[in-house]
Amino acid sequence: MSNETLYYNAFSGMTLRERDAVVQFLEQHEKTKHKEHIDEALDYALKIKPSFGGFVLVAKREEKIRGVIVSNCTGMAGYNASHLFVFATYPHQSKEDRSVMLDLMQQAIRYAKGQVALHIPPDHPALTLFQQLGFKSELLALRLDSPVAMAVA
């Protein structure tokens, strides 16, 4: 069985067929069901939209996707991580899947060459894997999705 890792960025690009396969994989295995969020993260990583770029890593075994990492460069360093792993996804079905993701994460960290942030929910099935790699919870993220400005009295 042959394993391969494919690396995509703004220079290499990604064919429409490759992109569709990645989007389909992420839709199937990520908690987000918003295809537009996946598309936007890929657009930023591949600099299709104005951005600092990033990269996409895809682990395959016998032509089947086994894991995907989408990394967006933030343009920040020091006070914020220079790379955000927007998606770091694998099927969570076997020890082999975990091993593939561990290898993929190690490669992604090397490609990032700097600080890396990863936003996941507290019940994410790969939390212990990410902690094993050295990721630590440092902050509590608060988010306001309302476009309405609120007055504070």
N, C-alpha and C. Protein backbone atom coordinates (compact mmCIF):
# COMPACT_ATOMS: atom_id res chain seq x y z
N MET A 1 0.84 -1.18 0.00
CA MET A 1 0.00 0.00 0.00
C MET A 1 0.88 1.24 0.00
N SER A 2 0.62 2.14 -0.92
CA SER A 2 1.47 3.32 -1.03
C SER A 2 0.82 4.52 -0.35
N ASN A 3 1.62 5.20 0.45
CA ASN A 3 1.20 6.44 1.11
C ASN A 3 1.87 7.60 0.42
N GLU A 4 1.15 8.69 0.30
CA GLU A 4 1.76 9.90 -0.25
C GLU A 4 1.16 11.11 0.43
N THR A 5 1.98 12.16 0.51
CA THR A 5 1.51 13.44 1.02
C THR A 5 1.66 14.46 -0.08
N LEU A 6 0.56 15.13 -0.37
CA LEU A 6 0.55 16.16 -1.41
C LEU A 6 0.53 17.53 -0.75
N TYR A 7 1.36 18.43 -1.29
CA TYR A 7 1.50 19.79 -0.75
C TYR A 7 1.02 20.77 -1.82
N TYR A 8 0.11 21.64 -1.44
CA TYR A 8 -0.41 22.65 -2.36
C TYR A 8 -0.23 24.03 -1.74
N ASN A 9 0.11 25.01 -2.59
CA ASN A 9 0.16 26.39 -2.15
C ASN A 9 -0.18 27.29 -3.34
N ALA A 10 0.06 28.58 -3.20
CA ALA A 10 -0.29 29.52 -4.27
C ALA A 10 0.50 29.26 -5.55
N PHE A 11 1.70 28.72 -5.41
CA PHE A 11 2.54 28.49 -6.58
C PHE A 11 2.17 27.19 -7.29
N SER A 12 1.88 26.16 -6.54
CA SER A 12 1.54 24.87 -7.16
C SER A 12 0.09 24.83 -7.61
N GLY A 13 -0.77 25.54 -6.88
CA GLY A 13 -2.18 25.48 -7.20
C GLY A 13 -2.77 24.12 -6.89
N MET A 14 -4.03 23.97 -7.24
CA MET A 14 -4.75 22.73 -7.01
C MET A 14 -5.78 22.62 -8.12
N THR A 15 -5.86 21.47 -8.76
CA THR A 15 -6.85 21.31 -9.83
C THR A 15 -8.26 21.32 -9.23
N LEU A 16 -9.24 21.57 -10.05
CA LEU A 16 -10.62 21.59 -9.60
C LEU A 16 -11.02 20.21 -9.04
N ARG A 17 -10.54 19.16 -9.67
CA ARG A 17 -10.84 17.80 -9.21
C ARG A 17 -10.22 17.54 -7.83
N GLU A 18 -8.97 17.98 -7.63
CA GLU A 18 -8.31 17.81 -6.33
C GLU A 18 -9.05 18.62 -5.26
N ARG A 19 -9.41 19.84 -5.60
CA ARG A 19 -10.11 20.71 -4.66
C ARG A 19 -11.46 20.11 -4.28
N ASP A 20 -12.20 19.63 -5.26
CA ASP A 20 -13.50 19.02 -4.97
C ASP A 20 -13.36 17.83 -4.03
N ALA A 21 -12.32 17.03 -4.22
CA ALA A 21 -12.09 15.87 -3.36
C ALA A 21 -11.78 16.32 -1.93
N VAL A 22 -10.97 17.36 -1.78
CA VAL A 22 -10.63 17.89 -0.46
C VAL A 22 -11.87 18.46 0.22
N VAL A 23 -12.65 19.24 -0.51
CA VAL A 23 -13.87 19.83 0.05
C VAL A 23 -14.82 18.72 0.50
N GLN A 24 -15.00 17.72 -0.33
CA GLN A 24 -15.89 16.61 0.01
C GLN A 24 -15.41 15.88 1.26
N PHE A 25 -14.10 15.65 1.36
CA PHE A 25 -13.53 15.00 2.54
C PHE A 25 -13.78 15.84 3.79
N LEU A 26 -13.52 17.15 3.71
CA LEU A 26 -13.71 18.02 4.86
C LEU A 26 -15.19 18.11 5.26
N GLU A 27 -16.07 18.17 4.27
CA GLU A 27 -17.51 18.20 4.58
C GLU A 27 -17.93 16.93 5.31
N GLN A 28 -17.36 15.82 4.93
CA GLN A 28 -17.72 14.54 5.53
C GLN A 28 -17.17 14.38 6.96
N HIS A 29 -15.98 14.92 7.23
CA HIS A 29 -15.31 14.63 8.49
C HIS A 29 -15.20 15.81 9.46
N GLU A 30 -15.56 16.99 9.05
CA GLU A 30 -15.49 18.16 9.93
C GLU A 30 -16.84 18.42 10.56
N LYS A 31 -16.82 19.08 11.71
CA LYS A 31 -18.09 19.42 12.36
C LYS A 31 -18.84 20.50 11.58
N THR A 32 -18.10 21.38 10.91
CA THR A 32 -18.76 22.43 10.13
C THR A 32 -19.39 21.83 8.90
N LYS A 33 -20.60 22.21 8.65
CA LYS A 33 -21.29 21.76 7.44
C LYS A 33 -21.44 22.92 6.46
N HIS A 34 -20.66 23.97 6.70
CA HIS A 34 -20.72 25.15 5.85
C HIS A 34 -19.64 25.05 4.78
N LYS A 35 -20.03 24.59 3.61
CA LYS A 35 -19.10 24.43 2.51
C LYS A 35 -18.41 25.75 2.19
N GLU A 36 -19.09 26.86 2.37
CA GLU A 36 -18.50 28.17 2.07
C GLU A 36 -17.31 28.46 2.98
N HIS A 37 -17.32 27.96 4.21
CA HIS A 37 -16.18 28.15 5.11
C HIS A 37 -14.97 27.35 4.63
N ILE A 38 -15.22 26.15 4.16
CA ILE A 38 -14.15 25.32 3.62
C ILE A 38 -13.57 25.97 2.37
N ASP A 39 -14.45 26.42 1.48
CA ASP A 39 -14.00 27.08 0.25
C ASP A 39 -13.18 28.32 0.56
N GLU A 40 -13.63 29.11 1.53
CA GLU A 40 -12.91 30.33 1.87
C GLU A 40 -11.52 30.04 2.44
N ALA A 41 -11.43 29.04 3.31
CA ALA A 41 -10.13 28.67 3.88
C ALA A 41 -9.18 28.21 2.78
N LEU A 42 -9.68 27.44 1.82
CA LEU A 42 -8.85 27.01 0.69
C LEU A 42 -8.45 28.20 -0.18
N ASP A 43 -9.39 29.12 -0.41
CA ASP A 43 -9.09 30.31 -1.22
C ASP A 43 -7.97 31.14 -0.58
N TYR A 44 -7.99 31.28 0.73
CA TYR A 44 -6.94 32.03 1.43
C TYR A 44 -5.60 31.28 1.38
N ALA A 45 -5.64 29.98 1.62
CA ALA A 45 -4.40 29.18 1.62
C ALA A 45 -3.73 29.21 0.25
N LEU A 46 -4.53 29.19 -0.80
CA LEU A 46 -3.99 29.13 -2.17
C LEU A 46 -3.89 30.51 -2.81
N LYS A 47 -4.19 31.57 -2.03
CA LYS A 47 -4.13 32.97 -2.48
C LYS A 47 -5.04 33.24 -3.67
N ILE A 48 -6.16 32.56 -3.73
CA ILE A 48 -7.17 32.87 -4.74
C ILE A 48 -7.86 34.16 -4.32
N LYS A 49 -8.05 34.33 -3.01
CA LYS A 49 -8.50 35.60 -2.44
C LYS A 49 -7.27 36.31 -1.89
N PRO A 50 -7.25 37.64 -1.88
CA PRO A 50 -6.10 38.34 -1.31
C PRO A 50 -5.84 37.90 0.12
N SER A 51 -4.61 37.47 0.37
CA SER A 51 -4.27 36.94 1.69
C SER A 51 -2.76 36.82 1.81
N PHE A 52 -2.31 36.35 2.96
CA PHE A 52 -0.90 36.06 3.16
C PHE A 52 -0.56 34.65 2.70
N GLY A 53 -1.56 33.93 2.20
CA GLY A 53 -1.33 32.60 1.66
C GLY A 53 -1.40 31.54 2.73
N GLY A 54 -0.73 30.45 2.47
CA GLY A 54 -0.73 29.31 3.36
C GLY A 54 -0.43 28.05 2.57
N PHE A 55 -0.99 26.95 3.00
CA PHE A 55 -0.79 25.70 2.27
C PHE A 55 -1.87 24.70 2.64
N VAL A 56 -1.95 23.67 1.82
CA VAL A 56 -2.87 22.55 2.07
C VAL A 56 -2.04 21.28 1.97
N LEU A 57 -2.13 20.43 2.97
CA LEU A 57 -1.48 19.12 2.94
C LEU A 57 -2.57 18.05 2.88
N VAL A 58 -2.37 17.09 1.98
CA VAL A 58 -3.34 16.01 1.82
C VAL A 58 -2.60 14.68 1.91
N ALA A 59 -2.99 13.85 2.86
CA ALA A 59 -2.43 12.50 2.98
C ALA A 59 -3.33 11.55 2.21
N LYS A 60 -2.71 10.74 1.36
CA LYS A 60 -3.47 9.76 0.57
C LYS A 60 -2.86 8.39 0.75
N ARG A 61 -3.72 7.40 0.67
CA ARG A 61 -3.29 6.00 0.65
C ARG A 61 -4.13 5.32 -0.42
N GLU A 62 -3.45 4.76 -1.39
CA GLU A 62 -4.11 4.12 -2.53
C GLU A 62 -5.17 5.04 -3.15
N GLU A 63 -4.77 6.29 -3.38
CA GLU A 63 -5.60 7.31 -4.03
C GLU A 63 -6.79 7.79 -3.19
N LYS A 64 -6.91 7.32 -1.95
CA LYS A 64 -8.00 7.75 -1.08
C LYS A 64 -7.45 8.73 -0.04
N ILE A 65 -8.14 9.86 0.13
CA ILE A 65 -7.71 10.85 1.12
C ILE A 65 -7.88 10.28 2.52
N ARG A 66 -6.82 10.40 3.32
CA ARG A 66 -6.82 9.90 4.70
C ARG A 66 -6.70 11.03 5.72
N GLY A 67 -6.31 12.23 5.27
CA GLY A 67 -6.20 13.37 6.18
C GLY A 67 -5.93 14.64 5.40
N VAL A 68 -6.38 15.76 5.95
CA VAL A 68 -6.20 17.07 5.31
C VAL A 68 -5.88 18.11 6.37
N ILE A 69 -4.92 18.97 6.06
CA ILE A 69 -4.64 20.15 6.89
C ILE A 69 -4.68 21.36 5.97
N VAL A 70 -5.47 22.35 6.35
CA VAL A 70 -5.52 23.62 5.63
C VAL A 70 -4.95 24.67 6.57
N SER A 71 -3.84 25.28 6.15
CA SER A 71 -3.15 26.28 6.96
C SER A 71 -3.24 27.64 6.29
N ASN A 72 -3.71 28.63 7.03
CA ASN A 72 -3.74 30.00 6.54
C ASN A 72 -2.68 30.81 7.28
N CYS A 73 -1.87 31.56 6.54
CA CYS A 73 -0.92 32.49 7.16
C CYS A 73 -1.71 33.69 7.68
N THR A 74 -1.39 34.12 8.87
CA THR A 74 -2.14 35.23 9.47
C THR A 74 -1.51 36.59 9.18
N GLY A 75 -0.24 36.60 8.82
CA GLY A 75 0.46 37.87 8.65
C GLY A 75 0.89 38.48 9.96
N MET A 76 0.72 37.74 11.03
CA MET A 76 1.07 38.23 12.36
C MET A 76 2.13 37.30 12.95
N ALA A 77 2.89 37.81 13.86
CA ALA A 77 3.87 36.98 14.57
C ALA A 77 4.08 37.58 15.94
N GLY A 78 4.41 36.77 16.89
CA GLY A 78 4.67 37.24 18.24
C GLY A 78 3.41 37.30 19.07
N TYR A 79 2.57 38.30 18.83
CA TYR A 79 1.37 38.43 19.64
C TYR A 79 0.26 37.52 19.17
N ASN A 80 0.42 36.94 17.99
CA ASN A 80 -0.54 36.00 17.45
C ASN A 80 0.24 34.99 16.62
N ALA A 81 -0.27 33.80 16.47
CA ALA A 81 0.42 32.77 15.68
C ALA A 81 0.50 33.18 14.22
N SER A 82 1.60 32.85 13.59
CA SER A 82 1.77 33.20 12.17
C SER A 82 1.01 32.26 11.24
N HIS A 83 0.62 31.08 11.74
CA HIS A 83 -0.17 30.13 10.96
C HIS A 83 -1.36 29.66 11.78
N LEU A 84 -2.50 29.56 11.13
CA LEU A 84 -3.69 29.01 11.74
C LEU A 84 -4.07 27.77 10.96
N PHE A 85 -4.05 26.62 11.62
CA PHE A 85 -4.52 25.39 10.99
C PHE A 85 -6.04 25.41 11.08
N VAL A 86 -6.67 25.89 10.01
CA VAL A 86 -8.11 26.07 9.98
C VAL A 86 -8.81 24.72 10.04
N PHE A 87 -8.31 23.77 9.29
CA PHE A 87 -8.83 22.41 9.32
C PHE A 87 -7.66 21.44 9.49
N ALA A 88 -7.80 20.51 10.40
CA ALA A 88 -6.85 19.42 10.59
C ALA A 88 -7.72 18.19 10.84
N THR A 89 -7.96 17.44 9.78
CA THR A 89 -9.03 16.47 9.79
C THR A 89 -8.59 15.10 9.30
N TYR A 90 -9.10 14.08 9.96
CA TYR A 90 -8.92 12.69 9.52
C TYR A 90 -10.14 11.89 9.98
N PRO A 91 -10.33 10.67 9.47
CA PRO A 91 -11.57 9.93 9.75
C PRO A 91 -11.79 9.47 11.19
N HIS A 92 -10.77 9.39 12.04
CA HIS A 92 -10.92 8.96 13.44
C HIS A 92 -11.47 7.55 13.56
N GLN A 93 -11.12 6.68 12.63
CA GLN A 93 -11.70 5.33 12.66
C GLN A 93 -10.73 4.27 13.16
N SER A 94 -9.44 4.50 13.06
CA SER A 94 -8.50 3.44 13.42
C SER A 94 -7.20 4.03 13.94
N LYS A 95 -6.36 3.16 14.49
CA LYS A 95 -5.02 3.59 14.93
C LYS A 95 -4.22 4.06 13.73
N GLU A 96 -4.42 3.42 12.58
CA GLU A 96 -3.70 3.82 11.37
C GLU A 96 -4.09 5.25 10.97
N ASP A 97 -5.37 5.59 11.07
CA ASP A 97 -5.82 6.96 10.77
C ASP A 97 -5.10 7.96 11.68
N ARG A 98 -5.02 7.62 12.95
CA ARG A 98 -4.34 8.50 13.93
C ARG A 98 -2.87 8.65 13.56
N SER A 99 -2.24 7.57 13.16
CA SER A 99 -0.83 7.60 12.77
C SER A 99 -0.62 8.48 11.54
N VAL A 100 -1.52 8.37 10.57
CA VAL A 100 -1.44 9.21 9.36
C VAL A 100 -1.55 10.68 9.75
N MET A 101 -2.49 11.00 10.64
CA MET A 101 -2.69 12.40 11.04
C MET A 101 -1.50 12.91 11.84
N LEU A 102 -0.93 12.09 12.68
CA LEU A 102 0.24 12.49 13.45
C LEU A 102 1.38 12.86 12.50
N ASP A 103 1.62 12.04 11.52
CA ASP A 103 2.66 12.32 10.52
C ASP A 103 2.34 13.59 9.73
N LEU A 104 1.09 13.74 9.34
CA LEU A 104 0.67 14.91 8.57
C LEU A 104 0.84 16.19 9.40
N MET A 105 0.48 16.15 10.67
CA MET A 105 0.64 17.31 11.55
C MET A 105 2.12 17.67 11.71
N GLN A 106 2.98 16.67 11.87
CA GLN A 106 4.41 16.94 12.01
C GLN A 106 4.94 17.61 10.75
N GLN A 107 4.50 17.16 9.59
CA GLN A 107 4.93 17.80 8.34
C GLN A 107 4.40 19.23 8.26
N ALA A 108 3.15 19.43 8.62
CA ALA A 108 2.55 20.77 8.55
C ALA A 108 3.27 21.74 9.48
N ILE A 109 3.64 21.28 10.66
CA ILE A 109 4.36 22.13 11.61
C ILE A 109 5.72 22.54 11.01
N ARG A 110 6.39 21.61 10.34
CA ARG A 110 7.66 21.95 9.68
C ARG A 110 7.45 22.96 8.56
N TYR A 111 6.41 22.79 7.76
CA TYR A 111 6.13 23.74 6.68
C TYR A 111 5.78 25.12 7.23
N ALA A 112 5.10 25.17 8.36
CA ALA A 112 4.65 26.45 8.91
C ALA A 112 5.83 27.31 9.36
N LYS A 113 6.91 26.72 9.83
CA LYS A 113 8.11 27.45 10.24
C LYS A 113 7.78 28.64 11.14
N GLY A 114 7.06 28.41 12.18
CA GLY A 114 6.73 29.48 13.10
C GLY A 114 5.64 29.04 14.05
N GLN A 115 5.04 30.01 14.71
CA GLN A 115 3.98 29.71 15.64
C GLN A 115 2.74 29.21 14.91
N VAL A 116 2.09 28.23 15.50
CA VAL A 116 0.90 27.63 14.91
C VAL A 116 -0.24 27.65 15.92
N ALA A 117 -1.41 28.06 15.47
CA ALA A 117 -2.62 28.00 16.29
C ALA A 117 -3.58 27.01 15.64
N LEU A 118 -4.39 26.43 16.46
CA LEU A 118 -5.37 25.45 16.02
C LEU A 118 -6.62 25.66 16.85
N HIS A 119 -7.74 25.97 16.22
CA HIS A 119 -8.99 26.19 16.95
C HIS A 119 -9.86 24.96 16.80
N ILE A 120 -10.14 24.31 17.94
CA ILE A 120 -10.98 23.12 17.93
C ILE A 120 -11.93 23.18 19.12
N PRO A 121 -13.05 22.49 19.03
CA PRO A 121 -13.94 22.42 20.19
C PRO A 121 -13.34 21.53 21.28
N PRO A 122 -13.75 21.72 22.54
CA PRO A 122 -13.15 20.94 23.63
C PRO A 122 -13.40 19.44 23.54
N ASP A 123 -14.40 19.03 22.77
CA ASP A 123 -14.70 17.60 22.65
C ASP A 123 -14.17 17.00 21.33
N HIS A 124 -13.24 17.70 20.69
CA HIS A 124 -12.70 17.22 19.41
C HIS A 124 -12.03 15.87 19.61
N PRO A 125 -12.30 14.89 18.74
CA PRO A 125 -11.74 13.55 18.93
C PRO A 125 -10.21 13.48 18.83
N ALA A 126 -9.58 14.49 18.23
CA ALA A 126 -8.12 14.47 18.08
C ALA A 126 -7.42 15.35 19.11
N LEU A 127 -8.14 15.82 20.11
CA LEU A 127 -7.54 16.72 21.10
C LEU A 127 -6.28 16.13 21.72
N THR A 128 -6.30 14.88 22.13
CA THR A 128 -5.12 14.28 22.75
C THR A 128 -3.97 14.17 21.76
N LEU A 129 -4.27 13.92 20.49
CA LEU A 129 -3.22 13.87 19.47
C LEU A 129 -2.54 15.24 19.35
N PHE A 130 -3.33 16.30 19.30
CA PHE A 130 -2.77 17.65 19.18
C PHE A 130 -1.96 18.01 20.43
N GLN A 131 -2.44 17.62 21.59
CA GLN A 131 -1.70 17.87 22.83
C GLN A 131 -0.39 17.08 22.84
N GLN A 132 -0.42 15.88 22.31
CA GLN A 132 0.79 15.05 22.21
C GLN A 132 1.86 15.75 21.37
N LEU A 133 1.43 16.53 20.39
CA LEU A 133 2.35 17.27 19.54
C LEU A 133 2.85 18.56 20.19
N GLY A 134 2.32 18.90 21.36
CA GLY A 134 2.79 20.09 22.07
C GLY A 134 1.82 21.26 22.07
N PHE A 135 0.66 21.12 21.43
CA PHE A 135 -0.33 22.19 21.46
C PHE A 135 -0.89 22.29 22.88
N LYS A 136 -1.04 23.55 23.35
CA LYS A 136 -1.57 23.81 24.68
C LYS A 136 -2.71 24.81 24.58
N SER A 137 -3.66 24.66 25.46
CA SER A 137 -4.76 25.61 25.53
C SER A 137 -4.29 26.80 26.36
N GLU A 138 -4.19 27.97 25.74
CA GLU A 138 -3.70 29.15 26.46
C GLU A 138 -4.78 30.19 26.71
N LEU A 139 -5.75 30.23 25.82
CA LEU A 139 -6.77 31.27 25.90
C LEU A 139 -8.16 30.67 25.77
N LEU A 140 -9.12 31.37 26.29
CA LEU A 140 -10.51 31.03 26.07
C LEU A 140 -10.99 31.94 24.94
N ALA A 141 -11.48 31.35 23.88
CA ALA A 141 -11.93 32.15 22.73
C ALA A 141 -13.38 32.58 22.96
N LEU A 142 -13.62 33.85 22.85
CA LEU A 142 -14.97 34.40 22.91
C LEU A 142 -15.29 34.95 21.52
N ARG A 143 -16.50 34.73 21.06
CA ARG A 143 -16.84 35.13 19.71
C ARG A 143 -18.22 35.76 19.70
N LEU A 144 -18.35 36.84 18.94
CA LEU A 144 -19.63 37.51 18.76
C LEU A 144 -19.93 37.50 17.28
N ASP A 145 -20.95 36.78 16.89
CA ASP A 145 -21.29 36.66 15.47
C ASP A 145 -22.33 37.69 15.03
N SER A 146 -22.86 38.46 15.95
CA SER A 146 -23.90 39.42 15.63
C SER A 146 -23.32 40.63 14.90
N PRO A 147 -23.88 40.97 13.75
CA PRO A 147 -23.38 42.17 13.03
C PRO A 147 -23.91 43.47 13.65
N VAL A 148 -24.83 43.37 14.59
CA VAL A 148 -25.41 44.55 15.22
C VAL A 148 -24.47 45.06 16.30
N ALA A 149 -24.13 46.35 16.23
CA ALA A 149 -23.28 46.94 17.25
C ALA A 149 -24.08 47.05 18.54
N MET A 150 -23.44 46.72 19.63
CA MET A 150 -24.12 46.78 20.92
C MET A 150 -23.56 47.96 21.71
N ALA A 151 -24.45 48.70 22.32
CA ALA A 151 -24.03 49.81 23.17
C ALA A 151 -23.80 49.31 24.58
N VAL A 152 -22.73 49.79 25.17
CA VAL A 152 -22.43 49.44 26.55
C VAL A 152 -22.69 50.68 27.41
N ALA A 153 -23.55 50.50 28.40
CA ALA A 153 -23.93 51.65 29.24
C ALA A 153 -23.01 51.75 30.43
